[in-house]
């Protein structure tokens, strides 16, 4: 079989304010305490591919029963179906017979696609924490990408085994659904980071163009 790659792409629509933190090493007086990560060329907000990959991996591992609620150190306990999608740097063999594995998924950074339709790109959310013992307030300003913003996402899937293609795509689709019912970025338990995946497509871009691509969900 020719070395085959499948491109999965679509739109991430921001449903509630999204905060994925950027560099806050310097903050002038009156400036935002928690800025969002931005493209250094355009200064527009982005969703890093690492954010999408990490969130999908942890949610899938938990959903498949290999990540307990309290979490684990490293990825050595991830199931085979998770490791083959996201990779494993573990050397040698572990209890399941797995060792170092290349990731079948390659995530790209996600760039803003509808900035011309938005009144602004970000908003400032004011938050306040109160010390329960002293009642001292600690106000802060968090920058969020506004709801309605849309980012194009792209994931490349490397076909290593056609026998595992259906299961892999079922798990990728499950990962997208899990993120939709969770959140991206920080402050998710306070309402931030709800997203929806729209217009998701998958097609062979190199290799066996006759390969049937399974439905994602």
C-alpha atoms as a PDB file:
ATOM      1  CA  UNK A   1       0.000   0.000   0.000  1.00  0.00           C
ATOM      2  CA  UNK A   2       1.279   3.462  -0.896  1.00  0.00           C
ATOM      3  CA  UNK A   3       2.079   5.761   2.008  1.00  0.00           C
ATOM      4  CA  UNK A   4      -1.317   7.365   2.470  1.00  0.00           C
ATOM      5  CA  UNK A   5      -2.316  10.522   4.298  1.00  0.00           C
ATOM      6  CA  UNK A   6      -5.848  11.672   5.090  1.00  0.00           C
ATOM      7  CA  UNK A   7      -6.571  15.332   5.804  1.00  0.00           C
ATOM      8  CA  UNK A   8      -9.260  16.091   8.376  1.00  0.00           C
ATOM      9  CA  UNK A   9     -10.347  19.716   8.365  1.00  0.00           C
ATOM     10  CA  UNK A  10     -13.166  21.969   9.426  1.00  0.00           C
ATOM     11  CA  UNK A  11     -14.063  24.919  11.606  1.00  0.00           C
ATOM     12  CA  UNK A  12     -13.853  25.400  15.355  1.00  0.00           C
ATOM     13  CA  UNK A  13     -16.608  27.820  16.343  1.00  0.00           C
ATOM     14  CA  UNK A  14     -16.205  29.582  19.684  1.00  0.00           C
ATOM     15  CA  UNK A  15     -19.468  29.364  21.632  1.00  0.00           C
ATOM     16  CA  UNK A  16     -18.312  31.138  24.822  1.00  0.00           C
ATOM     17  CA  UNK A  17     -15.304  33.368  25.464  1.00  0.00           C
ATOM     18  CA  UNK A  18     -12.086  31.394  24.842  1.00  0.00           C
ATOM     19  CA  UNK A  19      -8.894  31.920  26.836  1.00  0.00           C
ATOM     20  CA  UNK A  20      -5.735  30.076  25.802  1.00  0.00           C
ATOM     21  CA  UNK A  21      -2.923  31.830  27.607  1.00  0.00           C
ATOM     22  CA  UNK A  22      -0.042  33.635  25.960  1.00  0.00           C
ATOM     23  CA  UNK A  23       3.088  35.326  27.287  1.00  0.00           C
ATOM     24  CA  UNK A  24       2.396  37.368  30.431  1.00  0.00           C
ATOM     25  CA  UNK A  25       6.029  37.734  31.505  1.00  0.00           C
ATOM     26  CA  UNK A  26       5.650  41.531  31.345  1.00  0.00           C
ATOM     27  CA  UNK A  27       2.490  43.377  32.219  1.00  0.00           C
ATOM     28  CA  UNK A  28       2.430  47.175  32.352  1.00  0.00           C
ATOM     29  CA  UNK A  29       0.276  48.923  34.948  1.00  0.00           C
ATOM     30  CA  UNK A  30      -3.317  48.761  33.765  1.00  0.00           C
ATOM     31  CA  UNK A  31      -2.578  46.093  31.150  1.00  0.00           C
ATOM     32  CA  UNK A  32      -4.398  42.766  30.870  1.00  0.00           C
ATOM     33  CA  UNK A  33      -3.058  40.265  33.395  1.00  0.00           C
ATOM     34  CA  UNK A  34      -3.851  37.147  31.348  1.00  0.00           C
ATOM     35  CA  UNK A  35      -3.520  37.737  27.582  1.00  0.00           C
ATOM     36  CA  UNK A  36      -4.402  35.153  24.932  1.00  0.00           C
ATOM     37  CA  UNK A  37      -1.802  33.484  22.727  1.00  0.00           C
ATOM     38  CA  UNK A  38      -1.369  35.219  19.365  1.00  0.00           C
ATOM     39  CA  UNK A  39       0.243  34.693  15.988  1.00  0.00           C
ATOM     40  CA  UNK A  40       3.468  36.757  16.147  1.00  0.00           C
ATOM     41  CA  UNK A  41       3.052  37.812  12.496  1.00  0.00           C
ATOM     42  CA  UNK A  42      -0.580  38.997  12.475  1.00  0.00           C
ATOM     43  CA  UNK A  43      -1.088  39.517  16.240  1.00  0.00           C
ATOM     44  CA  UNK A  44      -4.387  37.678  15.885  1.00  0.00           C
ATOM     45  CA  UNK A  45      -5.480  35.007  18.410  1.00  0.00           C
ATOM     46  CA  UNK A  46      -4.766  31.382  17.516  1.00  0.00           C
ATOM     47  CA  UNK A  47      -5.567  27.945  18.888  1.00  0.00           C
ATOM     48  CA  UNK A  48      -2.230  26.075  19.107  1.00  0.00           C
ATOM     49  CA  UNK A  49      -2.235  22.575  17.661  1.00  0.00           C
ATOM     50  CA  UNK A  50      -0.700  21.370  20.924  1.00  0.00           C
ATOM     51  CA  UNK A  51      -3.775  22.608  22.823  1.00  0.00           C
ATOM     52  CA  UNK A  52      -6.125  20.661  20.574  1.00  0.00           C
ATOM     53  CA  UNK A  53      -3.961  17.523  20.638  1.00  0.00           C
ATOM     54  CA  UNK A  54      -3.449  17.530  24.400  1.00  0.00           C
ATOM     55  CA  UNK A  55      -7.114  18.059  25.185  1.00  0.00           C
ATOM     56  CA  UNK A  56      -8.285  15.370  22.777  1.00  0.00           C
ATOM     57  CA  UNK A  57      -5.741  12.874  24.086  1.00  0.00           C
ATOM     58  CA  UNK A  58      -6.559  13.361  27.760  1.00  0.00           C
ATOM     59  CA  UNK A  59     -10.330  13.194  27.165  1.00  0.00           C
ATOM     60  CA  UNK A  60     -10.044  10.075  25.008  1.00  0.00           C
ATOM     61  CA  UNK A  61      -7.784   8.355  27.539  1.00  0.00           C
ATOM     62  CA  UNK A  62     -10.283   9.093  30.298  1.00  0.00           C
ATOM     63  CA  UNK A  63     -13.251   8.038  28.148  1.00  0.00           C
ATOM     64  CA  UNK A  64     -11.567   4.755  27.244  1.00  0.00           C
ATOM     65  CA  UNK A  65     -10.773   4.045  30.874  1.00  0.00           C
ATOM     66  CA  UNK A  66      -6.985   4.446  30.853  1.00  0.00           C
ATOM     67  CA  UNK A  67      -6.859   7.807  32.659  1.00  0.00           C
ATOM     68  CA  UNK A  68      -8.460   7.897  36.114  1.00  0.00           C
ATOM     69  CA  UNK A  69     -10.193  11.027  37.353  1.00  0.00           C
ATOM     70  CA  UNK A  70      -7.194  12.019  39.477  1.00  0.00           C
ATOM     71  CA  UNK A  71      -4.880  11.745  36.453  1.00  0.00           C
ATOM     72  CA  UNK A  72      -1.572   9.920  35.995  1.00  0.00           C
ATOM     73  CA  UNK A  73       2.047  10.908  35.466  1.00  0.00           C
ATOM     74  CA  UNK A  74       3.078  10.586  31.842  1.00  0.00           C
ATOM     75  CA  UNK A  75       1.297   8.610  29.160  1.00  0.00           C
ATOM     76  CA  UNK A  76       2.531   5.096  29.941  1.00  0.00           C
ATOM     77  CA  UNK A  77      -0.934   3.928  30.981  1.00  0.00           C
ATOM     78  CA  UNK A  78      -2.705   5.121  27.845  1.00  0.00           C
ATOM     79  CA  UNK A  79      -4.345   2.346  25.862  1.00  0.00           C
ATOM     80  CA  UNK A  80      -2.956   1.146  22.550  1.00  0.00           C
ATOM     81  CA  UNK A  81      -5.713   2.881  20.601  1.00  0.00           C
ATOM     82  CA  UNK A  82      -4.681   6.202  22.189  1.00  0.00           C
ATOM     83  CA  UNK A  83      -0.929   5.675  21.809  1.00  0.00           C
ATOM     84  CA  UNK A  84      -1.123   4.855  18.129  1.00  0.00           C
ATOM     85  CA  UNK A  85      -3.088   8.058  17.450  1.00  0.00           C
ATOM     86  CA  UNK A  86      -1.007  10.415  19.583  1.00  0.00           C
ATOM     87  CA  UNK A  87       2.333   8.638  19.892  1.00  0.00           C
ATOM     88  CA  UNK A  88       4.435   7.400  22.781  1.00  0.00           C
ATOM     89  CA  UNK A  89       8.016   8.293  23.702  1.00  0.00           C
ATOM     90  CA  UNK A  90       8.361   5.394  26.115  1.00  0.00           C
ATOM     91  CA  UNK A  91      11.437   3.297  25.417  1.00  0.00           C
ATOM     92  CA  UNK A  92      11.415  -0.455  25.666  1.00  0.00           C
ATOM     93  CA  UNK A  93       8.275  -2.423  26.377  1.00  0.00           C
ATOM     94  CA  UNK A  94       5.637  -1.950  29.025  1.00  0.00           C
ATOM     95  CA  UNK A  95       2.996  -4.280  30.381  1.00  0.00           C
ATOM     96  CA  UNK A  96       0.879  -3.999  27.232  1.00  0.00           C
ATOM     97  CA  UNK A  97       3.775  -4.772  24.919  1.00  0.00           C
ATOM     98  CA  UNK A  98       4.029  -1.236  23.513  1.00  0.00           C
ATOM     99  CA  UNK A  99       7.174   0.840  23.178  1.00  0.00           C
ATOM    100  CA  UNK A 100       8.085   4.016  21.361  1.00  0.00           C
ATOM    101  CA  UNK A 101       5.465   4.875  18.729  1.00  0.00           C
ATOM    102  CA  UNK A 102       5.116   7.574  16.113  1.00  0.00           C
ATOM    103  CA  UNK A 103       1.928   9.599  16.267  1.00  0.00           C
ATOM    104  CA  UNK A 104      -0.524   8.892  13.462  1.00  0.00           C
ATOM    105  CA  UNK A 105      -2.049  12.341  13.928  1.00  0.00           C
ATOM    106  CA  UNK A 106      -0.345  15.620  13.024  1.00  0.00           C
ATOM    107  CA  UNK A 107      -2.052  18.748  14.367  1.00  0.00           C
ATOM    108  CA  UNK A 108      -1.643  22.221  12.895  1.00  0.00           C
ATOM    109  CA  UNK A 109      -2.128  25.542  14.638  1.00  0.00           C
ATOM    110  CA  UNK A 110      -5.629  26.919  14.054  1.00  0.00           C
ATOM    111  CA  UNK A 111      -5.930  30.410  12.601  1.00  0.00           C
ATOM    112  CA  UNK A 112      -8.822  32.850  12.729  1.00  0.00           C
ATOM    113  CA  UNK A 113     -10.979  32.634   9.592  1.00  0.00           C
ATOM    114  CA  UNK A 114     -13.830  35.138  10.046  1.00  0.00           C
ATOM    115  CA  UNK A 115     -12.200  38.249  11.516  1.00  0.00           C
ATOM    116  CA  UNK A 116     -13.931  40.508   8.957  1.00  0.00           C
ATOM    117  CA  UNK A 117     -17.353  39.573  10.364  1.00  0.00           C
ATOM    118  CA  UNK A 118     -16.476  40.251  14.010  1.00  0.00           C
ATOM    119  CA  UNK A 119     -16.886  43.588  15.797  1.00  0.00           C
ATOM    120  CA  UNK A 120     -13.668  42.858  17.707  1.00  0.00           C
ATOM    121  CA  UNK A 121     -11.368  39.874  18.186  1.00  0.00           C
ATOM    122  CA  UNK A 122     -11.083  39.747  21.963  1.00  0.00           C
ATOM    123  CA  UNK A 123     -12.795  41.005  25.096  1.00  0.00           C
ATOM    124  CA  UNK A 124     -11.612  41.675  28.620  1.00  0.00           C
ATOM    125  CA  UNK A 125     -13.287  39.686  31.385  1.00  0.00           C
ATOM    126  CA  UNK A 126     -12.838  41.053  34.886  1.00  0.00           C
ATOM    127  CA  UNK A 127     -12.534  38.430  37.620  1.00  0.00           C
ATOM    128  CA  UNK A 128     -12.050  38.676  41.346  1.00  0.00           C
ATOM    129  CA  UNK A 129     -10.902  36.156  43.924  1.00  0.00           C
ATOM    130  CA  UNK A 130     -11.619  36.672  47.613  1.00  0.00           C
ATOM    131  CA  UNK A 131      -9.427  35.241  50.363  1.00  0.00           C
ATOM    132  CA  UNK A 132     -11.859  33.361  52.606  1.00  0.00           C
ATOM    133  CA  UNK A 133      -9.855  34.112  55.753  1.00  0.00           C
ATOM    134  CA  UNK A 134      -8.909  37.769  55.231  1.00  0.00           C
ATOM    135  CA  UNK A 135     -11.609  38.843  52.741  1.00  0.00           C
ATOM    136  CA  UNK A 136      -8.863  40.530  50.701  1.00  0.00           C
ATOM    137  CA  UNK A 137      -9.819  40.869  47.031  1.00  0.00           C
ATOM    138  CA  UNK A 138      -7.430  39.974  44.215  1.00  0.00           C
ATOM    139  CA  UNK A 139      -8.866  41.380  40.972  1.00  0.00           C
ATOM    140  CA  UNK A 140      -7.484  40.407  37.578  1.00  0.00           C
ATOM    141  CA  UNK A 141      -8.252  40.913  33.910  1.00  0.00           C
ATOM    142  CA  UNK A 142      -8.527  37.950  31.552  1.00  0.00           C
ATOM    143  CA  UNK A 143      -8.484  38.360  27.775  1.00  0.00           C
ATOM    144  CA  UNK A 144     -10.852  36.085  25.841  1.00  0.00           C
ATOM    145  CA  UNK A 145     -11.548  35.487  22.163  1.00  0.00           C
ATOM    146  CA  UNK A 146     -15.165  36.548  21.674  1.00  0.00           C
ATOM    147  CA  UNK A 147     -17.953  34.072  20.996  1.00  0.00           C
ATOM    148  CA  UNK A 148     -18.714  33.677  17.310  1.00  0.00           C
ATOM    149  CA  UNK A 149     -15.044  33.627  16.324  1.00  0.00           C
ATOM    150  CA  UNK A 150     -14.137  30.785  13.969  1.00  0.00           C
ATOM    151  CA  UNK A 151     -10.806  29.010  13.510  1.00  0.00           C
ATOM    152  CA  UNK A 152      -9.865  26.627  10.705  1.00  0.00           C
ATOM    153  CA  UNK A 153      -8.382  23.379  11.973  1.00  0.00           C
ATOM    154  CA  UNK A 154      -6.402  20.759  10.095  1.00  0.00           C
ATOM    155  CA  UNK A 155      -5.278  17.307  11.217  1.00  0.00           C
ATOM    156  CA  UNK A 156      -3.276  14.894   9.067  1.00  0.00           C
ATOM    157  CA  UNK A 157      -3.838  11.192   9.710  1.00  0.00           C
ATOM    158  CA  UNK A 158      -1.103   8.819   8.544  1.00  0.00           C
ATOM    159  CA  UNK A 159      -2.527   5.466   7.437  1.00  0.00           C
ATOM    160  CA  UNK A 160      -0.363   2.786   9.033  1.00  0.00           C
ATOM    161  CA  UNK A 161      -2.894  -0.066   9.004  1.00  0.00           C
ATOM    162  CA  UNK A 162      -6.126  -0.214   7.019  1.00  0.00           C
ATOM    163  CA  UNK A 163      -7.386  -2.826   9.505  1.00  0.00           C
ATOM    164  CA  UNK A 164      -7.336  -0.167  12.250  1.00  0.00           C
ATOM    165  CA  UNK A 165      -8.690   2.676  10.124  1.00  0.00           C
ATOM    166  CA  UNK A 166     -12.332   2.348  11.197  1.00  0.00           C
ATOM    167  CA  UNK A 167     -11.473   2.194  14.907  1.00  0.00           C
ATOM    168  CA  UNK A 168      -9.051   5.111  14.643  1.00  0.00           C
ATOM    169  CA  UNK A 169     -11.610   7.328  12.914  1.00  0.00           C
ATOM    170  CA  UNK A 170     -14.291   6.364  15.397  1.00  0.00           C
ATOM    171  CA  UNK A 171     -11.958   7.471  18.195  1.00  0.00           C
ATOM    172  CA  UNK A 172     -11.058  10.725  16.424  1.00  0.00           C
ATOM    173  CA  UNK A 173     -14.753  11.510  16.015  1.00  0.00           C
ATOM    174  CA  UNK A 174     -15.314  10.594  19.650  1.00  0.00           C
ATOM    175  CA  UNK A 175     -12.505  12.951  20.635  1.00  0.00           C
ATOM    176  CA  UNK A 176     -14.147  15.867  18.800  1.00  0.00           C
ATOM    177  CA  UNK A 177     -17.461  15.149  20.521  1.00  0.00           C
ATOM    178  CA  UNK A 178     -15.770  14.940  23.920  1.00  0.00           C
ATOM    179  CA  UNK A 179     -14.165  18.363  23.424  1.00  0.00           C
ATOM    180  CA  UNK A 180     -17.530  19.844  22.456  1.00  0.00           C
ATOM    181  CA  UNK A 181     -18.908  18.618  25.769  1.00  0.00           C
ATOM    182  CA  UNK A 182     -15.909  19.859  27.722  1.00  0.00           C
ATOM    183  CA  UNK A 183     -13.860  22.985  26.943  1.00  0.00           C
ATOM    184  CA  UNK A 184     -10.629  24.338  25.463  1.00  0.00           C
ATOM    185  CA  UNK A 185      -8.210  26.581  27.333  1.00  0.00           C
ATOM    186  CA  UNK A 186      -8.545  27.963  30.831  1.00  0.00           C
ATOM    187  CA  UNK A 187     -11.504  28.766  33.029  1.00  0.00           C
ATOM    188  CA  UNK A 188     -13.727  26.059  31.604  1.00  0.00           C
ATOM    189  CA  UNK A 189     -15.530  25.432  34.872  1.00  0.00           C
ATOM    190  CA  UNK A 190     -16.431  29.130  34.911  1.00  0.00           C
ATOM    191  CA  UNK A 191     -17.988  29.074  31.456  1.00  0.00           C
ATOM    192  CA  UNK A 192     -15.005  29.710  29.202  1.00  0.00           C
ATOM    193  CA  UNK A 193     -13.910  27.697  26.202  1.00  0.00           C
ATOM    194  CA  UNK A 194     -17.056  26.003  24.877  1.00  0.00           C
ATOM    195  CA  UNK A 195     -16.552  25.200  21.201  1.00  0.00           C
ATOM    196  CA  UNK A 196     -18.282  23.380  18.348  1.00  0.00           C
ATOM    197  CA  UNK A 197     -16.736  21.580  15.375  1.00  0.00           C
ATOM    198  CA  UNK A 198     -18.489  22.403  12.106  1.00  0.00           C
ATOM    199  CA  UNK A 199     -18.176  21.367   8.438  1.00  0.00           C
ATOM    200  CA  UNK A 200     -15.773  18.541   9.296  1.00  0.00           C
ATOM    201  CA  UNK A 201     -14.501  16.648   6.239  1.00  0.00           C
ATOM    202  CA  UNK A 202     -11.867  13.965   5.625  1.00  0.00           C
ATOM    203  CA  UNK A 203     -10.204  13.107   2.308  1.00  0.00           C
ATOM    204  CA  UNK A 204      -7.140  11.291   1.021  1.00  0.00           C
ATOM    205  CA  UNK A 205      -4.512  13.856  -0.001  1.00  0.00           C
ATOM    206  CA  UNK A 206      -1.639  11.556  -0.931  1.00  0.00           C
ATOM    207  CA  UNK A 207      -1.184   7.846  -1.551  1.00  0.00           C
ATOM    208  CA  UNK A 208      -4.079   5.470  -2.198  1.00  0.00           C
ATOM    209  CA  UNK A 209      -6.768   7.800  -3.612  1.00  0.00           C
ATOM    210  CA  UNK A 210      -9.131   4.829  -3.867  1.00  0.00           C
ATOM    211  CA  UNK A 211      -9.138   4.257  -0.114  1.00  0.00           C
ATOM    212  CA  UNK A 212     -12.546   4.544   1.487  1.00  0.00           C
ATOM    213  CA  UNK A 213     -12.392   7.106   4.291  1.00  0.00           C
ATOM    214  CA  UNK A 214     -14.630   6.187   7.259  1.00  0.00           C
ATOM    215  CA  UNK A 215     -17.151   8.680   8.605  1.00  0.00           C
ATOM    216  CA  UNK A 216     -15.889  10.574  11.655  1.00  0.00           C
ATOM    217  CA  UNK A 217     -19.233  10.768  13.487  1.00  0.00           C
END
